[in-house]
PDB file of N, CA and C in Angstrom:
ATOM      1  N   MET A   1    -116.889 -94.740  70.433  1.00  0.00           N
ATOM      2  CA  MET A   1    -116.795 -93.814  71.696  1.00  0.00           C
ATOM      3  C   MET A   1    -117.925 -94.191  72.796  1.00  0.00           C
ATOM      4  N   ARG A   2    -118.200 -94.225  73.913  1.00  0.00           N
ATOM      5  CA  ARG A   2    -118.799 -94.395  75.138  1.00  0.00           C
ATOM      6  C   ARG A   2    -119.829 -93.809  75.331  1.00  0.00           C
ATOM      7  N   ASP A   3    -121.183 -93.969  75.599  1.00  0.00           N
ATOM      8  CA  ASP A   3    -122.429 -93.012  75.649  1.00  0.00           C
ATOM      9  C   ASP A   3    -121.825 -92.455  76.937  1.00  0.00           C
ATOM     10  N   ILE A   4    -122.317 -91.201  77.431  1.00  0.00           N
ATOM     11  CA  ILE A   4    -121.383 -90.662  78.492  1.00  0.00           C
ATOM     12  C   ILE A   4    -123.935 -90.258  79.581  1.00  0.00           C
ATOM     13  N   GLN A   5    -123.808 -91.055  80.246  1.00  0.00           N
ATOM     14  CA  GLN A   5    -125.343 -90.703  80.736  1.00  0.00           C
ATOM     15  C   GLN A   5    -125.136 -89.507  82.338  1.00  0.00           C
ATOM     16  N   SER A   6    -126.068 -89.167  82.179  1.00  0.00           N
ATOM     17  CA  SER A   6    -126.084 -88.442  82.946  1.00  0.00           C
ATOM     18  C   SER A   6    -127.494 -88.034  84.045  1.00  0.00           C
ATOM     19  N   GLU A   7    -127.615 -87.937  85.403  1.00  0.00           N
ATOM     20  CA  GLU A   7    -129.122 -88.020  86.079  1.00  0.00           C
ATOM     21  C   GLU A   7    -129.073 -87.163  86.959  1.00  0.00           C
ATOM     22  N   ILE A   8    -130.237 -86.440  86.333  1.00  0.00           N
ATOM     23  CA  ILE A   8    -130.167 -84.927  87.551  1.00  0.00           C
ATOM     24  C   ILE A   8    -130.688 -85.500  88.923  1.00  0.00           C
ATOM     25  N   ILE A   9    -130.270 -84.897  89.789  1.00  0.00           N
ATOM     26  CA  ILE A   9    -130.375 -85.313  91.286  1.00  0.00           C
ATOM     27  C   ILE A   9    -130.924 -84.618  91.567  1.00  0.00           C
ATOM     28  N   HIS A  10    -131.145 -83.291  91.432  1.00  0.00           N
ATOM     29  CA  HIS A  10    -131.952 -82.095  92.356  1.00  0.00           C
ATOM     30  C   HIS A  10    -131.595 -80.556  91.252  1.00  0.00           C
ATOM     31  N   GLU A  11    -132.709 -80.799  90.389  1.00  0.00           N
ATOM     32  CA  GLU A  11    -132.867 -78.940  89.666  1.00  0.00           C
ATOM     33  C   GLU A  11    -132.848 -78.003  90.653  1.00  0.00           C
ATOM     34  N   ILE A  12    -131.653 -76.553  90.284  1.00  0.00           N
ATOM     35  CA  ILE A  12    -131.442 -75.981  91.622  1.00  0.00           C
ATOM     36  C   ILE A  12    -132.250 -74.956  90.608  1.00  0.00           C
ATOM     37  N   ALA A  13    -132.009 -74.478  89.461  1.00  0.00           N
ATOM     38  CA  ALA A  13    -132.036 -72.670  89.158  1.00  0.00           C
ATOM     39  C   ALA A  13    -131.589 -72.974  87.645  1.00  0.00           C
ATOM     40  N   VAL A  14    -132.553 -72.162  86.618  1.00  0.00           N
ATOM     41  CA  VAL A  14    -132.302 -71.892  85.613  1.00  0.00           C
ATOM     42  C   VAL A  14    -131.774 -70.867  85.769  1.00  0.00           C
ATOM     43  N   LEU A  15    -130.311 -70.248  84.904  1.00  0.00           N
ATOM     44  CA  LEU A  15    -130.010 -68.949  85.261  1.00  0.00           C
ATOM     45  C   LEU A  15    -130.264 -67.926  83.986  1.00  0.00           C
ATOM     46  N   GLY A  16    -130.402 -68.846  82.816  1.00  0.00           N
ATOM     47  CA  GLY A  16    -130.883 -67.837  81.634  1.00  0.00           C
ATOM     48  C   GLY A  16    -131.264 -68.958  80.409  1.00  0.00           C
ATOM     49  N   GLU A  17    -132.153 -68.274  79.357  1.00  0.00           N
ATOM     50  CA  GLU A  17    -132.400 -68.781  78.033  1.00  0.00           C
ATOM     51  C   GLU A  17    -131.832 -67.862  76.876  1.00  0.00           C
ATOM     52  N   SER A  18    -131.476 -69.069  76.026  1.00  0.00           N
ATOM     53  CA  SER A  18    -130.900 -68.671  74.960  1.00  0.00           C
ATOM     54  C   SER A  18    -132.100 -68.086  74.096  1.00  0.00           C
ATOM     55  N   SER A  19    -132.420 -66.900  73.017  1.00  0.00           N
ATOM     56  CA  SER A  19    -133.000 -67.531  71.865  1.00  0.00           C
ATOM     57  C   SER A  19    -133.060 -68.405  70.882  1.00  0.00           C
ATOM     58  N   SER A  20    -132.473 -69.295  71.132  1.00  0.00           N
ATOM     59  CA  SER A  20    -132.577 -70.558  70.443  1.00  0.00           C
ATOM     60  C   SER A  20    -133.246 -71.564  71.336  1.00  0.00           C
ATOM     61  N   GLY A  21    -133.527 -71.232  72.683  1.00  0.00           N
ATOM     62  CA  GLY A  21    -134.229 -72.188  73.549  1.00  0.00           C
ATOM     63  C   GLY A  21    -133.576 -73.005  74.720  1.00  0.00           C
ATOM     64  N   TYR A  22    -132.180 -72.664  74.340  1.00  0.00           N
ATOM     65  CA  TYR A  22    -131.698 -73.634  75.020  1.00  0.00           C
ATOM     66  C   TYR A  22    -131.158 -72.482  76.208  1.00  0.00           C
ATOM     67  N   THR A  23    -131.092 -73.927  77.774  1.00  0.00           N
ATOM     68  CA  THR A  23    -131.204 -73.012  78.829  1.00  0.00           C
ATOM     69  C   THR A  23    -129.931 -73.249  79.327  1.00  0.00           C
ATOM     70  N   LYS A  24    -129.565 -72.150  80.570  1.00  0.00           N
ATOM     71  CA  LYS A  24    -128.190 -72.433  81.352  1.00  0.00           C
ATOM     72  C   LYS A  24    -128.803 -72.883  82.748  1.00  0.00           C
ATOM     73  N   GLU A  25    -128.344 -74.502  82.977  1.00  0.00           N
ATOM     74  CA  GLU A  25    -128.882 -74.428  84.484  1.00  0.00           C
ATOM     75  C   GLU A  25    -128.139 -74.358  85.414  1.00  0.00           C
ATOM     76  N   ILE A  26    -128.495 -74.618  86.649  1.00  0.00           N
ATOM     77  CA  ILE A  26    -127.579 -75.471  87.850  1.00  0.00           C
ATOM     78  C   ILE A  26    -128.034 -76.414  88.179  1.00  0.00           C
ATOM     79  N   ASN A  27    -127.573 -77.441  88.624  1.00  0.00           N
ATOM     80  CA  ASN A  27    -127.921 -78.337  88.878  1.00  0.00           C
ATOM     81  C   ASN A  27    -127.069 -79.636  89.623  1.00  0.00           C
ATOM     82  N   LEU A  28    -127.607 -80.627  90.059  1.00  0.00           N
ATOM     83  CA  LEU A  28    -126.694 -81.554  91.164  1.00  0.00           C
ATOM     84  C   LEU A  28    -126.919 -82.493  89.764  1.00  0.00           C
ATOM     85  N   ILE A  29    -125.695 -82.966  89.377  1.00  0.00           N
ATOM     86  CA  ILE A  29    -126.120 -84.406  88.334  1.00  0.00           C
ATOM     87  C   ILE A  29    -124.666 -85.178  88.596  1.00  0.00           C
ATOM     88  N   SER A  30    -125.143 -86.377  88.570  1.00  0.00           N
ATOM     89  CA  SER A  30    -124.050 -88.051  88.852  1.00  0.00           C
ATOM     90  C   SER A  30    -124.218 -88.265  87.283  1.00  0.00           C
ATOM     91  N   TRP A  31    -122.924 -88.037  86.891  1.00  0.00           N
ATOM     92  CA  TRP A  31    -122.673 -88.194  85.383  1.00  0.00           C
ATOM     93  C   TRP A  31    -121.559 -89.906  85.206  1.00  0.00           C
ATOM     94  N   ASN A  32    -122.267 -90.545  84.549  1.00  0.00           N
ATOM     95  CA  ASN A  32    -121.755 -92.222  84.818  1.00  0.00           C
ATOM     96  C   ASN A  32    -121.656 -92.860  85.916  1.00  0.00           C
ATOM     97  N   GLY A  33    -122.492 -92.700  86.788  1.00  0.00           N
ATOM     98  CA  GLY A  33    -122.767 -93.292  87.757  1.00  0.00           C
ATOM     99  C   GLY A  33    -122.108 -92.548  88.907  1.00  0.00           C
ATOM    100  N   ALA A  34    -121.348 -91.595  88.760  1.00  0.00           N
ATOM    101  CA  ALA A  34    -120.459 -91.268  89.987  1.00  0.00           C
ATOM    102  C   ALA A  34    -121.276 -90.143  91.112  1.00  0.00           C
ATOM    103  N   LYS A  35    -120.527 -90.058  92.052  1.00  0.00           N
ATOM    104  CA  LYS A  35    -121.483 -88.963  93.071  1.00  0.00           C
ATOM    105  C   LYS A  35    -121.342 -88.063  92.792  1.00  0.00           C
ATOM    106  N   PRO A  36    -122.929 -87.360  92.627  1.00  0.00           N
ATOM    107  CA  PRO A  36    -123.330 -85.634  92.260  1.00  0.00           C
ATOM    108  C   PRO A  36    -122.401 -84.949  92.409  1.00  0.00           C
ATOM    109  N   LYS A  37    -122.068 -84.137  91.356  1.00  0.00           N
ATOM    110  CA  LYS A  37    -121.366 -82.663  91.575  1.00  0.00           C
ATOM    111  C   LYS A  37    -122.566 -81.672  90.932  1.00  0.00           C
ATOM    112  N   TYR A  38    -122.031 -80.248  91.518  1.00  0.00           N
ATOM    113  CA  TYR A  38    -122.687 -79.454  91.303  1.00  0.00           C
ATOM    114  C   TYR A  38    -122.286 -78.858  89.800  1.00  0.00           C
ATOM    115  N   ASP A  39    -123.058 -78.947  89.112  1.00  0.00           N
ATOM    116  CA  ASP A  39    -123.183 -78.573  87.433  1.00  0.00           C
ATOM    117  C   ASP A  39    -123.800 -77.283  87.032  1.00  0.00           C
ATOM    118  N   ILE A  40    -122.915 -76.357  86.206  1.00  0.00           N
ATOM    119  CA  ILE A  40    -123.555 -75.580  85.370  1.00  0.00           C
ATOM    120  C   ILE A  40    -123.266 -75.413  83.692  1.00  0.00           C
ATOM    121  N   ARG A  41    -124.088 -75.798  82.931  1.00  0.00           N
ATOM    122  CA  ARG A  41    -123.995 -76.193  81.445  1.00  0.00           C
ATOM    123  C   ARG A  41    -125.316 -75.468  81.245  1.00  0.00           C
ATOM    124  N   SER A  42    -125.425 -75.125  79.567  1.00  0.00           N
ATOM    125  CA  SER A  42    -126.596 -75.424  78.819  1.00  0.00           C
ATOM    126  C   SER A  42    -127.316 -76.542  78.070  1.00  0.00           C
ATOM    127  N   TRP A  43    -128.455 -76.251  78.137  1.00  0.00           N
ATOM    128  CA  TRP A  43    -129.522 -77.621  77.789  1.00  0.00           C
ATOM    129  C   TRP A  43    -130.338 -77.223  76.717  1.00  0.00           C
ATOM    130  N   SER A  44    -130.294 -78.666  75.411  1.00  0.00           N
ATOM    131  CA  SER A  44    -131.253 -77.688  74.727  1.00  0.00           C
ATOM    132  C   SER A  44    -132.417 -77.831  75.019  1.00  0.00           C
ATOM    133  N   PRO A  45    -134.075 -77.387  74.944  1.00  0.00           N
ATOM    134  CA  PRO A  45    -135.280 -77.637  75.139  1.00  0.00           C
ATOM    135  C   PRO A  45    -135.264 -79.843  75.070  1.00  0.00           C
ATOM    136  N   GLY A  46    -135.859 -79.788  76.040  1.00  0.00           N
ATOM    137  CA  GLY A  46    -136.329 -81.276  76.367  1.00  0.00           C
ATOM    138  C   GLY A  46    -134.982 -82.195  76.750  1.00  0.00           C
ATOM    139  N   ARG A  47    -134.021 -81.279  77.178  1.00  0.00           N
ATOM    140  CA  ARG A  47    -132.738 -81.711  77.456  1.00  0.00           C
ATOM    141  C   ARG A  47    -132.241 -82.657  76.598  1.00  0.00           C
ATOM    142  N   GLU A  48    -132.102 -82.978  75.174  1.00  0.00           N
ATOM    143  CA  GLU A  48    -131.896 -83.743  74.811  1.00  0.00           C
ATOM    144  C   GLU A  48    -130.215 -84.035  74.106  1.00  0.00           C
ATOM    145  N   LYS A  49    -129.869 -82.707  74.286  1.00  0.00           N
ATOM    146  CA  LYS A  49    -128.447 -82.250  74.113  1.00  0.00           C
ATOM    147  C   LYS A  49    -127.983 -81.300  75.473  1.00  0.00           C
ATOM    148  N   CYS A  50    -126.264 -81.447  75.812  1.00  0.00           N
ATOM    149  CA  CYS A  50    -126.211 -80.341  76.832  1.00  0.00           C
ATOM    150  C   CYS A  50    -124.916 -79.726  75.906  1.00  0.00           C
ATOM    151  N   GLY A  51    -124.313 -78.708  76.219  1.00  0.00           N
ATOM    152  CA  GLY A  51    -123.302 -78.055  75.813  1.00  0.00           C
ATOM    153  C   GLY A  51    -121.894 -78.344  76.833  1.00  0.00           C
ATOM    154  N   LYS A  52    -121.084 -77.536  76.444  1.00  0.00           N
ATOM    155  CA  LYS A  52    -119.326 -77.715  77.447  1.00  0.00           C
ATOM    156  C   LYS A  52    -120.596 -76.925  78.333  1.00  0.00           C
ATOM    157  N   GLY A  53    -119.305 -77.294  80.144  1.00  0.00           N
ATOM    158  CA  GLY A  53    -120.399 -76.990  81.029  1.00  0.00           C
ATOM    159  C   GLY A  53    -118.568 -76.817  82.115  1.00  0.00           C
ATOM    160  N   ILE A  54    -119.091 -76.674  83.383  1.00  0.00           N
ATOM    161  CA  ILE A  54    -118.307 -76.805  84.326  1.00  0.00           C
ATOM    162  C   ILE A  54    -119.180 -77.883  86.012  1.00  0.00           C
ATOM    163  N   THR A  55    -118.318 -78.897  86.361  1.00  0.00           N
ATOM    164  CA  THR A  55    -118.595 -79.410  87.390  1.00  0.00           C
ATOM    165  C   THR A  55    -117.777 -79.327  88.575  1.00  0.00           C
ATOM    166  N   LEU A  56    -118.550 -78.900  90.132  1.00  0.00           N
ATOM    167  CA  LEU A  56    -118.023 -78.302  90.985  1.00  0.00           C
ATOM    168  C   LEU A  56    -118.020 -79.135  92.207  1.00  0.00           C
ATOM    169  N   THR A  57    -117.414 -79.905  92.554  1.00  0.00           N
ATOM    170  CA  THR A  57    -117.795 -80.960  94.091  1.00  0.00           C
ATOM    171  C   THR A  57    -118.253 -79.966  95.108  1.00  0.00           C
ATOM    172  N   GLU A  58    -118.411 -80.022  95.803  1.00  0.00           N
ATOM    173  CA  GLU A  58    -119.704 -79.274  97.265  1.00  0.00           C
ATOM    174  C   GLU A  58    -118.308 -78.590  97.935  1.00  0.00           C
ATOM    175  N   GLU A  59    -117.136 -78.897  98.092  1.00  0.00           N
ATOM    176  CA  GLU A  59    -116.549 -77.895  98.250  1.00  0.00           C
ATOM    177  C   GLU A  59    -116.243 -76.483  97.381  1.00  0.00           C
ATOM    178  N   GLU A  60    -115.998 -77.101  96.014  1.00  0.00           N
ATOM    179  CA  GLU A  60    -115.691 -75.588  95.324  1.00  0.00           C
ATOM    180  C   GLU A  60    -116.740 -75.033  95.236  1.00  0.00           C
ATOM    181  N   ALA A  61    -118.271 -75.341  95.169  1.00  0.00           N
ATOM    182  CA  ALA A  61    -119.184 -75.061  95.067  1.00  0.00           C
ATOM    183  C   ALA A  61    -119.778 -73.696  96.288  1.00  0.00           C
ATOM    184  N   LYS A  62    -119.145 -74.353  97.358  1.00  0.00           N
ATOM    185  CA  LYS A  62    -118.765 -73.360  98.302  1.00  0.00           C
ATOM    186  C   LYS A  62    -118.011 -72.229  98.327  1.00  0.00           C
ATOM    187  N   ARG A  63    -116.468 -72.659  97.788  1.00  0.00           N
ATOM    188  CA  ARG A  63    -115.868 -71.699  97.575  1.00  0.00           C
ATOM    189  C   ARG A  63    -116.145 -70.464  96.561  1.00  0.00           C
ATOM    190  N   LEU A  64    -116.509 -70.431  95.505  1.00  0.00           N
ATOM    191  CA  LEU A  64    -117.496 -70.044  94.567  1.00  0.00           C
ATOM    192  C   LEU A  64    -118.406 -69.296  95.606  1.00  0.00           C
ATOM    193  N   LEU A  65    -119.499 -69.388  96.206  1.00  0.00           N
ATOM    194  CA  LEU A  65    -120.189 -69.224  96.778  1.00  0.00           C
ATOM    195  C   LEU A  65    -119.776 -68.260  97.665  1.00  0.00           C
ATOM    196  N   LEU A  66    -118.944 -68.199  98.698  1.00  0.00           N
ATOM    197  CA  LEU A  66    -118.014 -67.276  98.469  1.00  0.00           C
ATOM    198  C   LEU A  66    -117.671 -65.787  98.460  1.00  0.00           C
ATOM    199  N   ALA A  67    -116.441 -66.520  97.086  1.00  0.00           N
ATOM    200  CA  ALA A  67    -116.047 -65.472  96.112  1.00  0.00           C
ATOM    201  C   ALA A  67    -117.473 -64.445  95.126  1.00  0.00           C
ATOM    202  N   LEU A  68    -118.793 -65.274  95.039  1.00  0.00           N
ATOM    203  CA  LEU A  68    -119.428 -64.010  94.680  1.00  0.00           C
ATOM    204  C   LEU A  68    -120.030 -62.996  95.848  1.00  0.00           C
ATOM    205  N   GLN A  69    -120.296 -64.163  96.812  1.00  0.00           N
ATOM    206  CA  GLN A  69    -120.517 -63.073  97.720  1.00  0.00           C
ATOM    207  C   GLN A  69    -119.554 -61.692  97.811  1.00  0.00           C
ATOM    208  N   SER A  70    -118.293 -62.255  98.087  1.00  0.00           N
ATOM    209  CA  SER A  70    -117.817 -60.852  98.391  1.00  0.00           C
ATOM    210  C   SER A  70    -117.628 -60.033  97.395  1.00  0.00           C
ATOM    211  N   ILE A  71    -118.005 -60.408  96.162  1.00  0.00           N
ATOM    212  CA  ILE A  71    -118.075 -59.490  95.063  1.00  0.00           C
ATOM    213  C   ILE A  71    -119.883 -58.290  95.100  1.00  0.00           C
ATOM    214  N   PHE A  72    -120.097 -59.175  95.641  1.00  0.00           N
ATOM    215  CA  PHE A  72    -121.810 -59.062  95.286  1.00  0.00           C
ATOM    216  C   PHE A  72    -122.197 -58.201  96.418  1.00  0.00           C
ATOM    217  N   LEU A  73    -122.255 -58.556  97.649  1.00  0.00           N
ATOM    218  CA  LEU A  73    -122.330 -58.395  98.898  1.00  0.00           C
ATOM    219  C   LEU A  73    -121.829 -56.763  99.098  1.00  0.00           C
ATOM    220  N   ASN A  74    -120.225 -56.371  98.131  1.00  0.00           N
ATOM    221  CA  ASN A  74    -119.481 -55.490  98.568  1.00  0.00           C
ATOM    222  C   ASN A  74    -119.756 -54.335  97.721  1.00  0.00           C
ATOM    223  N   LEU A  75    -120.588 -54.758  97.009  1.00  0.00           N
ATOM    224  CA  LEU A  75    -121.077 -53.189  95.606  1.00  0.00           C
ATOM    225  C   LEU A  75    -121.795 -52.379  96.464  1.00  0.00           C
ATOM    226  N   THR A  76    -121.821 -51.004  96.112  1.00  0.00           N
ATOM    227  CA  THR A  76    -122.384 -49.795  96.731  1.00  0.00           C
ATOM    228  C   THR A  76    -122.722 -48.847  95.901  1.00  0.00           C
TER     229      THR A  76
END
């Protein structure tokens, strides 16, 4: 099994933290030297390990933003 390489290009936000110290983050990450994507996943303290997550292209991230805005901006 080959090693998976990641490089955090831009730290965007920590979305939450579990009691074990893992943080759920959104970052701009290059995986295996590929074009960076928006990435949401859990990371261990010190980022030695990461959990399963989701990667989004810029277009997908924009669509997610619009979808969330339509939900949260229409709450009254």
